[in-house]
Amino acid sequence: EFFGGMRVVNITTASVKEYIDKQMQSGLSNASINRELSALKRMLHLGARTTPPKVGRMPYIPMLKESNTRKGFFEYNEFVSLRNALPEYLKPVVTFAYHTGWRRAEILNLTWDKVDLKEGAVRLDPGETKNNDGRTIYLNDELLKEMHLLQSRRLLGFPYVFHRDGHRIKDFRDAWCSACKKIGLQVKNVETDSMIPAKLFHDFRRTAVRNMVRAGVHERVAMAISGHKTRSIFDRYNIISQDDLKEAALKQERYLQLQNSYNLGAPPNEKPLLEKGLVVNY
């Protein structure tokens, strides 16, 4: 849309930087913007290789730095503040995202025939998810209450769960940026020296998985709820159970006690650990 109708000679480094700034303001990640810039580069290269050339000169198109590992997570107070700052029609959307970790498209495309309020479940059929696998989740109390409220306001003949006055929700980047700005959830982008949202909608996906793991939910169950096909999310985002970290500390303590006792020639003092029920067997 930004370059739509623009003459090729007017696509300059300055206009590309303006485009980058606009996309960053909307909350797009550097990786997503780079994919779009790559497509623009490819288009210009193909135009320059035609006979006669349709592109006389190639502007310099800067690419943004990318990180293989994003670390964006929502703390609960950040989620609540952002939800309160968003328009009413988006509040149920972010609530569902925060609890389930579903992808944006999966949430916005959800229809009432997939929702079973009596059983408290939501089901997606194979082919309706990014990885084409079917999925079933059970709603917690907050989501079930939200779904009942949405159903009470359901429009006759309109199939989608989430909507804006009877219209499908497709792009809410402006509302997202405004809400982030309103609550001060912004950071300065070093590439453009402009303020951009500090959080992305996709951060809900990481957050939901992390919260489930912290709550003691098994990794495979968390993956089944969020729709992750492989456990790479735990490696990429360094999501580790707090119980695992505590167990590691106890194992280290046990090991050091045994080593110290061995070096001193005395039996290890196991009473403190036994009293706590924290002895780790090897």
C-alpha atoms as a PDB file:
ATOM      1  CA  GLU A   1       0.000   0.000   0.000  1.00  0.00           C
ATOM      2  CA  PHE A   2       2.811   2.420   0.841  1.00  0.00           C
ATOM      3  CA  PHE A   3       4.437   2.118  -2.591  1.00  0.00           C
ATOM      4  CA  GLY A   4       1.174   1.555  -4.464  1.00  0.00           C
ATOM      5  CA  GLY A   5       0.909   3.915  -7.422  1.00  0.00           C
ATOM      6  CA  MET A   6       4.397   5.314  -6.804  1.00  0.00           C
ATOM      7  CA  ARG A   7       6.647   5.722  -9.833  1.00  0.00           C
ATOM      8  CA  VAL A   8       9.826   3.647  -9.716  1.00  0.00           C
ATOM      9  CA  VAL A   9      12.006   6.768  -9.959  1.00  0.00           C
ATOM     10  CA  ASN A  10      10.415   7.987  -6.723  1.00  0.00           C
ATOM     11  CA  ILE A  11      11.421   4.861  -4.799  1.00  0.00           C
ATOM     12  CA  THR A  12      14.496   6.228  -3.083  1.00  0.00           C
ATOM     13  CA  THR A  13      16.470   5.397   0.029  1.00  0.00           C
ATOM     14  CA  ALA A  14      14.619   8.204   1.792  1.00  0.00           C
ATOM     15  CA  SER A  15      11.193   6.822   0.841  1.00  0.00           C
ATOM     16  CA  VAL A  16      12.269   3.328   1.908  1.00  0.00           C
ATOM     17  CA  LYS A  17      13.363   4.665   5.300  1.00  0.00           C
ATOM     18  CA  GLU A  18      10.005   6.412   5.622  1.00  0.00           C
ATOM     19  CA  TYR A  19       8.318   3.095   4.880  1.00  0.00           C
ATOM     20  CA  ILE A  20      10.477   1.313   7.473  1.00  0.00           C
ATOM     21  CA  ASP A  21       9.544   3.906  10.080  1.00  0.00           C
ATOM     22  CA  LYS A  22       5.832   3.498   9.290  1.00  0.00           C
ATOM     23  CA  GLN A  23       6.012  -0.287   9.616  1.00  0.00           C
ATOM     24  CA  MET A  24       7.911  -0.058  12.890  1.00  0.00           C
ATOM     25  CA  GLN A  25       5.325   2.340  14.255  1.00  0.00           C
ATOM     26  CA  SER A  26       2.685  -0.261  13.428  1.00  0.00           C
ATOM     27  CA  GLY A  27       4.498  -2.853  15.537  1.00  0.00           C
ATOM     28  CA  LEU A  28       5.999  -5.070  12.832  1.00  0.00           C
ATOM     29  CA  SER A  29       9.207  -6.862  13.787  1.00  0.00           C
ATOM     30  CA  ASN A  30      12.510  -6.236  12.022  1.00  0.00           C
ATOM     31  CA  ALA A  31      12.323  -9.703  10.493  1.00  0.00           C
ATOM     32  CA  SER A  32       8.883  -9.056   8.990  1.00  0.00           C
ATOM     33  CA  ILE A  33       9.967  -5.703   7.588  1.00  0.00           C
ATOM     34  CA  ASN A  34      13.094  -7.270   6.095  1.00  0.00           C
ATOM     35  CA  ARG A  35      10.962  -9.848   4.287  1.00  0.00           C
ATOM     36  CA  GLU A  36       8.990  -7.021   2.706  1.00  0.00           C
ATOM     37  CA  LEU A  37      12.163  -5.120   1.809  1.00  0.00           C
ATOM     38  CA  SER A  38      13.565  -8.266   0.201  1.00  0.00           C
ATOM     39  CA  ALA A  39      10.446  -8.508  -1.967  1.00  0.00           C
ATOM     40  CA  LEU A  40      10.882  -4.865  -2.979  1.00  0.00           C
ATOM     41  CA  LYS A  41      14.525  -5.494  -3.868  1.00  0.00           C
ATOM     42  CA  ARG A  42      13.575  -8.517  -5.920  1.00  0.00           C
ATOM     43  CA  MET A  43      10.945  -6.550  -7.818  1.00  0.00           C
ATOM     44  CA  LEU A  44      13.407  -3.777  -8.674  1.00  0.00           C
ATOM     45  CA  HIS A  45      16.089  -6.260  -9.739  1.00  0.00           C
ATOM     46  CA  LEU A  46      13.665  -8.027 -12.077  1.00  0.00           C
ATOM     47  CA  GLY A  47      12.620  -4.689 -13.543  1.00  0.00           C
ATOM     48  CA  ALA A  48      16.246  -3.741 -14.167  1.00  0.00           C
ATOM     49  CA  ARG A  49      16.921  -7.025 -15.988  1.00  0.00           C
ATOM     50  CA  THR A  50      14.151  -6.653 -18.575  1.00  0.00           C
ATOM     51  CA  THR A  51      14.770  -5.478 -22.139  1.00  0.00           C
ATOM     52  CA  PRO A  52      14.427  -2.571 -22.265  1.00  0.00           C
ATOM     53  CA  PRO A  53      15.034  -2.001 -18.546  1.00  0.00           C
ATOM     54  CA  LYS A  54      12.009  -0.829 -16.575  1.00  0.00           C
ATOM     55  CA  VAL A  55      14.217   0.246 -13.684  1.00  0.00           C
ATOM     56  CA  GLY A  56      17.027   2.608 -14.599  1.00  0.00           C
ATOM     57  CA  ARG A  57      18.771   2.701 -11.252  1.00  0.00           C
ATOM     58  CA  MET A  58      18.690   0.682  -8.078  1.00  0.00           C
ATOM     59  CA  PRO A  59      18.239   2.683  -4.862  1.00  0.00           C
ATOM     60  CA  TYR A  60      20.093   1.610  -1.758  1.00  0.00           C
ATOM     61  CA  ILE A  61      17.637  -0.298   0.432  1.00  0.00           C
ATOM     62  CA  PRO A  62      18.813  -0.606   4.042  1.00  0.00           C
ATOM     63  CA  MET A  63      18.046  -3.817   5.908  1.00  0.00           C
ATOM     64  CA  LEU A  64      17.374  -3.998   9.624  1.00  0.00           C
ATOM     65  CA  LYS A  65      19.250  -6.018  12.182  1.00  0.00           C
ATOM     66  CA  GLU A  66      17.533  -9.230  13.199  1.00  0.00           C
ATOM     67  CA  SER A  67      17.826 -11.416  16.245  1.00  0.00           C
ATOM     68  CA  ASN A  68      17.177 -15.134  16.022  1.00  0.00           C
ATOM     69  CA  THR A  69      15.733 -15.110  19.504  1.00  0.00           C
ATOM     70  CA  ARG A  70      13.005 -12.707  20.517  1.00  0.00           C
ATOM     71  CA  LYS A  71      12.555 -12.227  24.232  1.00  0.00           C
ATOM     72  CA  GLY A  72       9.292 -10.321  24.278  1.00  0.00           C
ATOM     73  CA  PHE A  73       7.009 -11.380  27.126  1.00  0.00           C
ATOM     74  CA  PHE A  74       4.048  -9.740  28.819  1.00  0.00           C
ATOM     75  CA  GLU A  75       4.096  -9.466  32.566  1.00  0.00           C
ATOM     76  CA  TYR A  76       0.575  -9.622  33.961  1.00  0.00           C
ATOM     77  CA  ASN A  77       0.409  -5.931  34.875  1.00  0.00           C
ATOM     78  CA  GLU A  78       1.537  -4.996  31.342  1.00  0.00           C
ATOM     79  CA  PHE A  79      -1.172  -7.176  29.841  1.00  0.00           C
ATOM     80  CA  VAL A  80      -3.869  -5.639  32.042  1.00  0.00           C
ATOM     81  CA  SER A  81      -2.700  -2.079  31.329  1.00  0.00           C
ATOM     82  CA  LEU A  82      -2.620  -2.682  27.584  1.00  0.00           C
ATOM     83  CA  ARG A  83      -6.021  -4.377  27.592  1.00  0.00           C
ATOM     84  CA  ASN A  84      -7.540  -1.442  29.459  1.00  0.00           C
ATOM     85  CA  ALA A  85      -6.064   0.990  26.912  1.00  0.00           C
ATOM     86  CA  LEU A  86      -7.350  -0.890  23.866  1.00  0.00           C
ATOM     87  CA  PRO A  87     -10.778  -0.341  22.263  1.00  0.00           C
ATOM     88  CA  GLU A  88     -13.579  -2.532  23.622  1.00  0.00           C
ATOM     89  CA  TYR A  89     -13.694  -4.789  20.562  1.00  0.00           C
ATOM     90  CA  LEU A  90     -10.038  -5.779  21.021  1.00  0.00           C
ATOM     91  CA  LYS A  91     -10.142  -6.559  24.738  1.00  0.00           C
ATOM     92  CA  PRO A  92     -11.580 -10.089  24.272  1.00  0.00           C
ATOM     93  CA  VAL A  93      -9.012 -10.719  21.519  1.00  0.00           C
ATOM     94  CA  VAL A  94      -5.987  -9.980  23.694  1.00  0.00           C
ATOM     95  CA  THR A  95      -7.518 -11.846  26.648  1.00  0.00           C
ATOM     96  CA  PHE A  96      -7.861 -14.962  24.515  1.00  0.00           C
ATOM     97  CA  ALA A  97      -4.318 -14.516  23.181  1.00  0.00           C
ATOM     98  CA  TYR A  98      -2.818 -14.030  26.645  1.00  0.00           C
ATOM     99  CA  HIS A  99      -4.324 -17.255  27.973  1.00  0.00           C
ATOM    100  CA  THR A 100      -3.987 -19.546  24.947  1.00  0.00           C
ATOM    101  CA  GLY A 101      -0.982 -18.337  22.952  1.00  0.00           C
ATOM    102  CA  TRP A 102      -2.905 -18.793  19.715  1.00  0.00           C
ATOM    103  CA  ARG A 103      -1.777 -17.057  16.561  1.00  0.00           C
ATOM    104  CA  ARG A 104      -3.503 -13.825  15.590  1.00  0.00           C
ATOM    105  CA  ALA A 105      -5.117 -15.338  12.491  1.00  0.00           C
ATOM    106  CA  GLU A 106      -6.392 -18.356  14.447  1.00  0.00           C
ATOM    107  CA  ILE A 107      -8.101 -16.058  16.936  1.00  0.00           C
ATOM    108  CA  LEU A 108      -9.592 -13.622  14.430  1.00  0.00           C
ATOM    109  CA  ASN A 109     -10.844 -16.486  12.232  1.00  0.00           C
ATOM    110  CA  LEU A 110     -12.512 -18.334  15.119  1.00  0.00           C
ATOM    111  CA  THR A 111     -16.204 -19.046  14.471  1.00  0.00           C
ATOM    112  CA  TRP A 112     -18.978 -20.003  16.871  1.00  0.00           C
ATOM    113  CA  ASP A 113     -19.379 -23.491  15.447  1.00  0.00           C
ATOM    114  CA  LYS A 114     -15.956 -24.269  16.942  1.00  0.00           C
ATOM    115  CA  VAL A 115     -16.997 -23.178  20.436  1.00  0.00           C
ATOM    116  CA  ASP A 116     -18.755 -25.539  22.857  1.00  0.00           C
ATOM    117  CA  LEU A 117     -19.689 -23.481  25.890  1.00  0.00           C
ATOM    118  CA  LYS A 118     -21.488 -26.386  27.551  1.00  0.00           C
ATOM    119  CA  GLU A 119     -18.261 -28.383  27.584  1.00  0.00           C
ATOM    120  CA  GLY A 120     -16.109 -25.272  27.909  1.00  0.00           C
ATOM    121  CA  ALA A 121     -14.005 -26.183  24.894  1.00  0.00           C
ATOM    122  CA  VAL A 122     -12.848 -24.703  21.601  1.00  0.00           C
ATOM    123  CA  ARG A 123     -11.900 -26.957  18.702  1.00  0.00           C
ATOM    124  CA  LEU A 124     -10.081 -26.258  15.462  1.00  0.00           C
ATOM    125  CA  ASP A 125     -10.266 -28.838  12.691  1.00  0.00           C
ATOM    126  CA  PRO A 126      -7.217 -30.072  10.742  1.00  0.00           C
ATOM    127  CA  GLY A 127      -6.374 -27.511   8.073  1.00  0.00           C
ATOM    128  CA  GLU A 128      -7.551 -24.542  10.153  1.00  0.00           C
ATOM    129  CA  THR A 129      -4.202 -23.971  11.829  1.00  0.00           C
ATOM    130  CA  LYS A 130      -0.805 -22.932  10.512  1.00  0.00           C
ATOM    131  CA  ASN A 131       0.638 -26.422  10.941  1.00  0.00           C
ATOM    132  CA  ASN A 132      -2.608 -28.020   9.655  1.00  0.00           C
ATOM    133  CA  ASP A 133      -3.117 -30.018  12.856  1.00  0.00           C
ATOM    134  CA  GLY A 134      -6.437 -30.036  14.679  1.00  0.00           C
ATOM    135  CA  ARG A 135      -6.534 -28.594  18.176  1.00  0.00           C
ATOM    136  CA  THR A 136      -8.774 -28.703  21.228  1.00  0.00           C
ATOM    137  CA  ILE A 137      -8.444 -26.457  24.260  1.00  0.00           C
ATOM    138  CA  TYR A 138     -10.513 -26.152  27.411  1.00  0.00           C
ATOM    139  CA  LEU A 139     -11.350 -22.670  28.622  1.00  0.00           C
ATOM    140  CA  ASN A 140     -10.352 -21.446  32.060  1.00  0.00           C
ATOM    141  CA  ASP A 141     -12.832 -19.456  34.139  1.00  0.00           C
ATOM    142  CA  GLU A 142     -11.842 -16.061  32.748  1.00  0.00           C
ATOM    143  CA  LEU A 143     -12.072 -17.191  29.128  1.00  0.00           C
ATOM    144  CA  LEU A 144     -15.337 -19.041  29.717  1.00  0.00           C
ATOM    145  CA  LYS A 145     -16.839 -15.906  31.257  1.00  0.00           C
ATOM    146  CA  GLU A 146     -15.567 -13.857  28.307  1.00  0.00           C
ATOM    147  CA  MET A 147     -17.054 -16.301  25.806  1.00  0.00           C
ATOM    148  CA  HIS A 148     -20.456 -16.271  27.506  1.00  0.00           C
ATOM    149  CA  LEU A 149     -20.408 -12.470  27.374  1.00  0.00           C
ATOM    150  CA  LEU A 150     -19.504 -12.493  23.687  1.00  0.00           C
ATOM    151  CA  GLN A 151     -22.250 -15.007  22.956  1.00  0.00           C
ATOM    152  CA  SER A 152     -24.807 -12.799  24.691  1.00  0.00           C
ATOM    153  CA  ARG A 153     -23.827 -10.036  22.275  1.00  0.00           C
ATOM    154  CA  ARG A 154     -23.601 -12.290  19.248  1.00  0.00           C
ATOM    155  CA  LEU A 155     -25.028 -10.851  16.043  1.00  0.00           C
ATOM    156  CA  LEU A 156     -27.630 -12.962  14.277  1.00  0.00           C
ATOM    157  CA  GLY A 157     -26.138 -14.672  11.234  1.00  0.00           C
ATOM    158  CA  PHE A 158     -22.582 -13.463  11.941  1.00  0.00           C
ATOM    159  CA  PRO A 159     -20.301 -16.490  12.425  1.00  0.00           C
ATOM    160  CA  TYR A 160     -17.162 -14.910  13.880  1.00  0.00           C
ATOM    161  CA  VAL A 161     -16.557 -14.818  17.616  1.00  0.00           C
ATOM    162  CA  PHE A 162     -14.479 -11.641  17.552  1.00  0.00           C
ATOM    163  CA  HIS A 163     -15.672  -8.689  15.513  1.00  0.00           C
ATOM    164  CA  ARG A 164     -16.022  -4.924  15.394  1.00  0.00           C
ATOM    165  CA  ASP A 165     -19.657  -3.876  15.150  1.00  0.00           C
ATOM    166  CA  GLY A 166     -20.469  -6.782  12.870  1.00  0.00           C
ATOM    167  CA  HIS A 167     -17.346  -6.481  10.741  1.00  0.00           C
ATOM    168  CA  ARG A 168     -14.403  -8.865  10.772  1.00  0.00           C
ATOM    169  CA  ILE A 169     -11.281  -7.657  12.523  1.00  0.00           C
ATOM    170  CA  LYS A 170      -8.376  -7.663  10.096  1.00  0.00           C
ATOM    171  CA  ASP A 171      -5.842  -4.972  10.945  1.00  0.00           C
ATOM    172  CA  PHE A 172      -5.636  -3.276  14.323  1.00  0.00           C
ATOM    173  CA  ARG A 173      -2.066  -1.974  14.222  1.00  0.00           C
ATOM    174  CA  ASP A 174      -3.108   1.651  14.701  1.00  0.00           C
ATOM    175  CA  ALA A 175      -5.145   0.777  17.789  1.00  0.00           C
ATOM    176  CA  TRP A 176      -2.235  -1.298  19.118  1.00  0.00           C
ATOM    177  CA  CYS A 177       0.257   1.542  18.621  1.00  0.00           C
ATOM    178  CA  SER A 178      -2.071   4.065  20.237  1.00  0.00           C
ATOM    179  CA  ALA A 179      -2.618   1.839  23.276  1.00  0.00           C
ATOM    180  CA  CYS A 180       1.111   1.196  23.718  1.00  0.00           C
ATOM    181  CA  LYS A 181       1.794   4.924  23.467  1.00  0.00           C
ATOM    182  CA  LYS A 182      -0.968   5.712  25.948  1.00  0.00           C
ATOM    183  CA  ILE A 183       0.500   3.503  28.678  1.00  0.00           C
ATOM    184  CA  GLY A 184       4.144   4.257  27.867  1.00  0.00           C
ATOM    185  CA  LEU A 185       4.860   0.795  26.495  1.00  0.00           C
ATOM    186  CA  GLN A 186       7.305   2.087  23.884  1.00  0.00           C
ATOM    187  CA  VAL A 187      10.997   1.889  23.056  1.00  0.00           C
ATOM    188  CA  LYS A 188      13.215   3.963  20.788  1.00  0.00           C
ATOM    189  CA  ASN A 189      14.253   2.260  17.571  1.00  0.00           C
ATOM    190  CA  VAL A 190      17.927   2.947  16.966  1.00  0.00           C
ATOM    191  CA  GLU A 191      17.512   2.543  13.209  1.00  0.00           C
ATOM    192  CA  THR A 192      15.036   5.402  12.801  1.00  0.00           C
ATOM    193  CA  ASP A 193      15.306   7.237  16.144  1.00  0.00           C
ATOM    194  CA  SER A 194      11.530   6.937  16.526  1.00  0.00           C
ATOM    195  CA  MET A 195       9.353   5.510  19.279  1.00  0.00           C
ATOM    196  CA  ILE A 196       7.733   2.153  18.518  1.00  0.00           C
ATOM    197  CA  PRO A 197       5.613  -0.302  20.556  1.00  0.00           C
ATOM    198  CA  ALA A 198       7.702  -2.244  23.045  1.00  0.00           C
ATOM    199  CA  LYS A 199       5.462  -5.289  22.640  1.00  0.00           C
ATOM    200  CA  LEU A 200       4.139  -7.242  19.683  1.00  0.00           C
ATOM    201  CA  PHE A 201       0.913  -9.220  19.534  1.00  0.00           C
ATOM    202  CA  HIS A 202       3.054 -12.315  18.948  1.00  0.00           C
ATOM    203  CA  ASP A 203       4.558 -11.770  22.404  1.00  0.00           C
ATOM    204  CA  PHE A 204       1.316 -13.187  23.812  1.00  0.00           C
ATOM    205  CA  ARG A 205       2.283 -16.488  22.217  1.00  0.00           C
ATOM    206  CA  ARG A 206       5.562 -16.665  24.067  1.00  0.00           C
ATOM    207  CA  THR A 207       3.946 -15.405  27.254  1.00  0.00           C
ATOM    208  CA  ALA A 208       1.205 -18.032  27.304  1.00  0.00           C
ATOM    209  CA  VAL A 209       3.670 -20.883  26.894  1.00  0.00           C
ATOM    210  CA  ARG A 210       5.955 -19.476  29.586  1.00  0.00           C
ATOM    211  CA  ASN A 211       3.043 -19.024  31.996  1.00  0.00           C
ATOM    212  CA  MET A 212       1.852 -22.582  31.429  1.00  0.00           C
ATOM    213  CA  VAL A 213       5.316 -24.007  32.050  1.00  0.00           C
ATOM    214  CA  ARG A 214       5.719 -21.900  35.183  1.00  0.00           C
ATOM    215  CA  ALA A 215       2.360 -23.207  36.381  1.00  0.00           C
ATOM    216  CA  GLY A 216       3.642 -26.772  36.079  1.00  0.00           C
ATOM    217  CA  VAL A 217       1.967 -27.677  32.793  1.00  0.00           C
ATOM    218  CA  HIS A 218       3.979 -30.287  30.893  1.00  0.00           C
ATOM    219  CA  GLU A 219       5.762 -28.981  27.795  1.00  0.00           C
ATOM    220  CA  ARG A 220       3.832 -31.256  25.445  1.00  0.00           C
ATOM    221  CA  VAL A 221       0.513 -30.116  26.886  1.00  0.00           C
ATOM    222  CA  ALA A 222       1.534 -26.457  26.574  1.00  0.00           C
ATOM    223  CA  MET A 223       2.484 -27.124  22.946  1.00  0.00           C
ATOM    224  CA  ALA A 224      -0.878 -28.773  22.290  1.00  0.00           C
ATOM    225  CA  ILE A 225      -2.723 -25.730  23.638  1.00  0.00           C
ATOM    226  CA  SER A 226      -0.678 -23.085  21.813  1.00  0.00           C
ATOM    227  CA  GLY A 227      -0.301 -25.091  18.613  1.00  0.00           C
ATOM    228  CA  HIS A 228       3.478 -25.424  18.587  1.00  0.00           C
ATOM    229  CA  LYS A 229       4.500 -28.503  16.636  1.00  0.00           C
ATOM    230  CA  THR A 230       8.053 -28.782  17.980  1.00  0.00           C
ATOM    231  CA  ARG A 231       9.582 -27.884  21.311  1.00  0.00           C
ATOM    232  CA  SER A 232      11.959 -25.392  19.678  1.00  0.00           C
ATOM    233  CA  ILE A 233      10.049 -22.566  21.377  1.00  0.00           C
ATOM    234  CA  PHE A 234      11.505 -23.644  24.717  1.00  0.00           C
ATOM    235  CA  ASP A 235      15.026 -23.516  23.285  1.00  0.00           C
ATOM    236  CA  ARG A 236      14.588 -20.278  21.310  1.00  0.00           C
ATOM    237  CA  TYR A 237      12.937 -18.340  24.105  1.00  0.00           C
ATOM    238  CA  ASN A 238      14.809 -19.979  26.983  1.00  0.00           C
ATOM    239  CA  ILE A 239      11.566 -21.061  28.643  1.00  0.00           C
ATOM    240  CA  ILE A 240      12.510 -23.214  31.599  1.00  0.00           C
ATOM    241  CA  SER A 241      10.317 -24.472  34.398  1.00  0.00           C
ATOM    242  CA  GLN A 242      11.010 -22.825  37.755  1.00  0.00           C
ATOM    243  CA  ASP A 243      10.736 -26.271  39.332  1.00  0.00           C
ATOM    244  CA  ASP A 244      13.537 -27.465  37.055  1.00  0.00           C
ATOM    245  CA  LEU A 245      15.721 -24.580  38.221  1.00  0.00           C
ATOM    246  CA  LYS A 246      14.975 -25.357  41.866  1.00  0.00           C
ATOM    247  CA  GLU A 247      15.763 -29.024  41.297  1.00  0.00           C
ATOM    248  CA  ALA A 248      19.064 -28.043  39.664  1.00  0.00           C
ATOM    249  CA  ALA A 249      19.988 -25.981  42.732  1.00  0.00           C
ATOM    250  CA  LEU A 250      19.144 -28.888  45.042  1.00  0.00           C
ATOM    251  CA  LYS A 251      21.196 -31.301  42.952  1.00  0.00           C
ATOM    252  CA  GLN A 252      24.137 -28.926  43.089  1.00  0.00           C
ATOM    253  CA  GLU A 253      23.751 -28.581  46.866  1.00  0.00           C
ATOM    254  CA  ARG A 254      23.637 -32.359  47.261  1.00  0.00           C
ATOM    255  CA  TYR A 255      26.700 -32.813  45.087  1.00  0.00           C
ATOM    256  CA  LEU A 256      28.727 -30.218  46.999  1.00  0.00           C
ATOM    257  CA  GLN A 257      27.723 -31.729  50.338  1.00  0.00           C
ATOM    258  CA  LEU A 258      28.895 -35.144  49.202  1.00  0.00           C
ATOM    259  CA  GLN A 259      32.156 -33.715  47.890  1.00  0.00           C
ATOM    260  CA  ASN A 260      32.838 -31.764  51.079  1.00  0.00           C
ATOM    261  CA  SER A 261      32.030 -34.765  53.255  1.00  0.00           C
ATOM    262  CA  TYR A 262      34.292 -36.980  51.173  1.00  0.00           C
ATOM    263  CA  ASN A 263      37.168 -34.511  51.414  1.00  0.00           C
ATOM    264  CA  LEU A 264      36.753 -34.194  55.180  1.00  0.00           C
ATOM    265  CA  GLY A 265      36.470 -37.942  55.656  1.00  0.00           C
ATOM    266  CA  ALA A 266      33.135 -37.651  57.457  1.00  0.00           C
ATOM    267  CA  PRO A 267      29.664 -38.878  56.472  1.00  0.00           C
ATOM    268  CA  PRO A 268      27.554 -36.215  54.774  1.00  0.00           C
ATOM    269  CA  ASN A 269      25.073 -34.329  56.894  1.00  0.00           C
ATOM    270  CA  GLU A 270      21.804 -35.271  55.249  1.00  0.00           C
ATOM    271  CA  LYS A 271      19.496 -34.267  58.058  1.00  0.00           C
ATOM    272  CA  PRO A 272      18.628 -30.750  56.777  1.00  0.00           C
ATOM    273  CA  LEU A 273      17.794 -32.088  53.338  1.00  0.00           C
ATOM    274  CA  LEU A 274      15.853 -35.051  54.697  1.00  0.00           C
ATOM    275  CA  GLU A 275      13.795 -32.817  56.953  1.00  0.00           C
ATOM    276  CA  LYS A 276      12.838 -30.719  53.928  1.00  0.00           C
ATOM    277  CA  GLY A 277      12.118 -33.788  51.842  1.00  0.00           C
ATOM    278  CA  LEU A 278      14.551 -32.475  49.276  1.00  0.00           C
ATOM    279  CA  VAL A 279      17.065 -35.281  48.909  1.00  0.00           C
ATOM    280  CA  VAL A 280      17.773 -35.916  45.248  1.00  0.00           C
ATOM    281  CA  ASN A 281      18.642 -39.495  44.344  1.00  0.00           C
ATOM    282  CA  TYR A 282      21.117 -40.291  41.598  1.00  0.00           C
END
